Amino acid sequence: MPTARTCIVSFTDTDNVRHSVEVIASTLYEAAVMAIAQFRNCGFTANAPGPNTVLKVAIKQPATTHEVQWGKVETWIQSAGKPNEQAMKGRLRELLRG
């Protein structure tokens, strides 16, 4: 399992408002799922991310930035996947359910 890193995950909603949250995650997709769960729970994002929403994941150290489409993350989390990913996917699915 990769090392957990602090990430800032952000997206711009349909009203052109940028939302961001800080999470600690080991993978790009884990950071995306954790951020979506926080966005859903915070109550500030009336325009929730849809499948075409691009999430920007900025890793603090080493400083890098990635972009991933939320629809691809949703597809990944629902797939059976590799045996070493199954426990993480189960935990992340529960996190999204609230």
C-alpha atoms as a PDB file:
ATOM      1  CA  MET A   1       0.000   0.000   0.000  1.00  0.00           C
ATOM      2  CA  PRO A   2       1.393   3.424  -0.927  1.00  0.00           C
ATOM      3  CA  THR A   3       2.194   5.964   1.775  1.00  0.00           C
ATOM      4  CA  ALA A   4      -0.701   8.192   2.875  1.00  0.00           C
ATOM      5  CA  ARG A   5      -0.290  11.815   1.878  1.00  0.00           C
ATOM      6  CA  THR A   6      -2.145  15.044   2.587  1.00  0.00           C
ATOM      7  CA  CYS A   7      -4.129  16.178  -0.457  1.00  0.00           C
ATOM      8  CA  ILE A   8      -6.336  19.119  -1.354  1.00  0.00           C
ATOM      9  CA  VAL A   9      -9.205  17.919  -3.549  1.00  0.00           C
ATOM     10  CA  SER A  10     -11.274  20.518  -5.386  1.00  0.00           C
ATOM     11  CA  PHE A  11     -13.906  20.949  -8.065  1.00  0.00           C
ATOM     12  CA  THR A  12     -15.800  23.827  -9.640  1.00  0.00           C
ATOM     13  CA  ASP A  13     -19.593  23.509  -9.562  1.00  0.00           C
ATOM     14  CA  THR A  14     -22.132  24.569 -12.199  1.00  0.00           C
ATOM     15  CA  ASP A  15     -22.351  28.047 -10.631  1.00  0.00           C
ATOM     16  CA  ASN A  16     -18.580  28.404 -11.139  1.00  0.00           C
ATOM     17  CA  VAL A  17     -17.923  28.157  -7.386  1.00  0.00           C
ATOM     18  CA  ARG A  18     -14.751  26.268  -6.451  1.00  0.00           C
ATOM     19  CA  HIS A  19     -14.982  23.861  -3.516  1.00  0.00           C
ATOM     20  CA  SER A  20     -11.986  22.204  -1.844  1.00  0.00           C
ATOM     21  CA  VAL A  21     -11.290  19.915   1.071  1.00  0.00           C
ATOM     22  CA  GLU A  22      -8.172  18.446   2.665  1.00  0.00           C
ATOM     23  CA  VAL A  23      -7.931  14.661   3.017  1.00  0.00           C
ATOM     24  CA  ILE A  24      -5.237  12.126   3.859  1.00  0.00           C
ATOM     25  CA  ALA A  25      -5.152   9.299   1.340  1.00  0.00           C
ATOM     26  CA  SER A  26      -2.860   6.655  -0.119  1.00  0.00           C
ATOM     27  CA  THR A  27      -4.143   6.736  -3.706  1.00  0.00           C
ATOM     28  CA  LEU A  28      -5.653   9.209  -6.148  1.00  0.00           C
ATOM     29  CA  TYR A  29      -9.023   7.431  -6.171  1.00  0.00           C
ATOM     30  CA  GLU A  30      -9.094   7.112  -2.392  1.00  0.00           C
ATOM     31  CA  ALA A  31      -8.534  10.877  -2.118  1.00  0.00           C
ATOM     32  CA  ALA A  32     -11.357  11.497  -4.606  1.00  0.00           C
ATOM     33  CA  VAL A  33     -13.850   9.286  -2.745  1.00  0.00           C
ATOM     34  CA  MET A  34     -12.961  10.716   0.658  1.00  0.00           C
ATOM     35  CA  ALA A  35     -13.385  14.248  -0.707  1.00  0.00           C
ATOM     36  CA  ILE A  36     -16.773  13.482  -2.307  1.00  0.00           C
ATOM     37  CA  ALA A  37     -17.984  12.057   1.010  1.00  0.00           C
ATOM     38  CA  GLN A  38     -16.913  15.253   2.778  1.00  0.00           C
ATOM     39  CA  PHE A  39     -18.485  17.471   0.099  1.00  0.00           C
ATOM     40  CA  ARG A  40     -21.768  15.588   0.487  1.00  0.00           C
ATOM     41  CA  ASN A  41     -21.701  15.861   4.277  1.00  0.00           C
ATOM     42  CA  CYS A  42     -20.711  19.530   4.563  1.00  0.00           C
ATOM     43  CA  GLY A  43     -23.966  20.990   3.237  1.00  0.00           C
ATOM     44  CA  PHE A  44     -22.241  23.809   1.333  1.00  0.00           C
ATOM     45  CA  THR A  45     -22.310  22.166  -2.089  1.00  0.00           C
ATOM     46  CA  ALA A  46     -25.825  22.492  -3.475  1.00  0.00           C
ATOM     47  CA  ASN A  47     -24.473  21.540  -6.904  1.00  0.00           C
ATOM     48  CA  ALA A  48     -23.009  18.134  -6.106  1.00  0.00           C
ATOM     49  CA  PRO A  49     -20.366  16.651  -8.385  1.00  0.00           C
ATOM     50  CA  GLY A  50     -21.794  14.531 -11.202  1.00  0.00           C
ATOM     51  CA  PRO A  51     -20.117  11.839 -13.318  1.00  0.00           C
ATOM     52  CA  ASN A  52     -18.500  14.414 -15.632  1.00  0.00           C
ATOM     53  CA  THR A  53     -17.114  16.553 -12.812  1.00  0.00           C
ATOM     54  CA  VAL A  54     -13.331  16.757 -12.873  1.00  0.00           C
ATOM     55  CA  LEU A  55     -11.727  16.574  -9.442  1.00  0.00           C
ATOM     56  CA  LYS A  56      -8.342  18.230  -9.001  1.00  0.00           C
ATOM     57  CA  VAL A  57      -6.170  16.405  -6.454  1.00  0.00           C
ATOM     58  CA  ALA A  58      -3.162  18.416  -5.263  1.00  0.00           C
ATOM     59  CA  ILE A  59      -0.717  16.419  -3.175  1.00  0.00           C
ATOM     60  CA  LYS A  60       1.222  18.553  -0.704  1.00  0.00           C
ATOM     61  CA  GLN A  61       4.471  16.525  -0.448  1.00  0.00           C
ATOM     62  CA  PRO A  62       5.821  15.907  -2.974  1.00  0.00           C
ATOM     63  CA  ALA A  63       3.905  18.752  -4.584  1.00  0.00           C
ATOM     64  CA  THR A  64       2.012  17.268  -7.537  1.00  0.00           C
ATOM     65  CA  THR A  65      -1.432  17.720  -9.043  1.00  0.00           C
ATOM     66  CA  HIS A  66      -3.688  15.195 -10.772  1.00  0.00           C
ATOM     67  CA  GLU A  67      -7.142  15.412 -12.324  1.00  0.00           C
ATOM     68  CA  VAL A  68      -9.681  12.597 -12.433  1.00  0.00           C
ATOM     69  CA  GLN A  69     -13.272  12.453 -13.629  1.00  0.00           C
ATOM     70  CA  TRP A  70     -15.689  11.488 -10.835  1.00  0.00           C
ATOM     71  CA  GLY A  71     -17.535   9.037 -13.134  1.00  0.00           C
ATOM     72  CA  LYS A  72     -14.323   7.018 -13.552  1.00  0.00           C
ATOM     73  CA  VAL A  73     -13.865   6.899  -9.787  1.00  0.00           C
ATOM     74  CA  GLU A  74     -17.473   5.710  -9.339  1.00  0.00           C
ATOM     75  CA  THR A  75     -16.921   2.954 -11.917  1.00  0.00           C
ATOM     76  CA  TRP A  76     -13.699   1.898 -10.190  1.00  0.00           C
ATOM     77  CA  ILE A  77     -15.222   1.770  -6.715  1.00  0.00           C
ATOM     78  CA  GLN A  78     -18.143  -0.395  -7.902  1.00  0.00           C
ATOM     79  CA  SER A  79     -15.894  -2.897  -9.720  1.00  0.00           C
ATOM     80  CA  ALA A  80     -14.612  -6.038  -8.022  1.00  0.00           C
ATOM     81  CA  GLY A  81     -11.025  -5.083  -8.740  1.00  0.00           C
ATOM     82  CA  LYS A  82      -7.815  -6.603  -7.538  1.00  0.00           C
ATOM     83  CA  PRO A  83      -7.755  -8.598  -4.279  1.00  0.00           C
ATOM     84  CA  ASN A  84      -5.487  -6.032  -2.588  1.00  0.00           C
ATOM     85  CA  GLU A  85      -8.020  -3.256  -3.398  1.00  0.00           C
ATOM     86  CA  GLN A  86     -11.196  -4.985  -2.209  1.00  0.00           C
ATOM     87  CA  ALA A  87     -10.937  -3.996   1.468  1.00  0.00           C
ATOM     88  CA  MET A  88     -10.236  -0.360   0.598  1.00  0.00           C
ATOM     89  CA  LYS A  89     -13.119  -0.287  -1.910  1.00  0.00           C
ATOM     90  CA  GLY A  90     -15.497  -1.695   0.704  1.00  0.00           C
ATOM     91  CA  ARG A  91     -14.439   0.936   3.220  1.00  0.00           C
ATOM     92  CA  LEU A  92     -14.795   3.723   0.669  1.00  0.00           C
ATOM     93  CA  ARG A  93     -18.255   2.506  -0.453  1.00  0.00           C
ATOM     94  CA  GLU A  94     -19.366   2.651   3.193  1.00  0.00           C
ATOM     95  CA  LEU A  95     -17.913   6.141   3.532  1.00  0.00           C
ATOM     96  CA  LEU A  96     -19.991   7.321   0.543  1.00  0.00           C
ATOM     97  CA  ARG A  97     -23.158   5.787   1.984  1.00  0.00           C
ATOM     98  CA  GLY A  98     -22.661   8.004   5.035  1.00  0.00           C
END
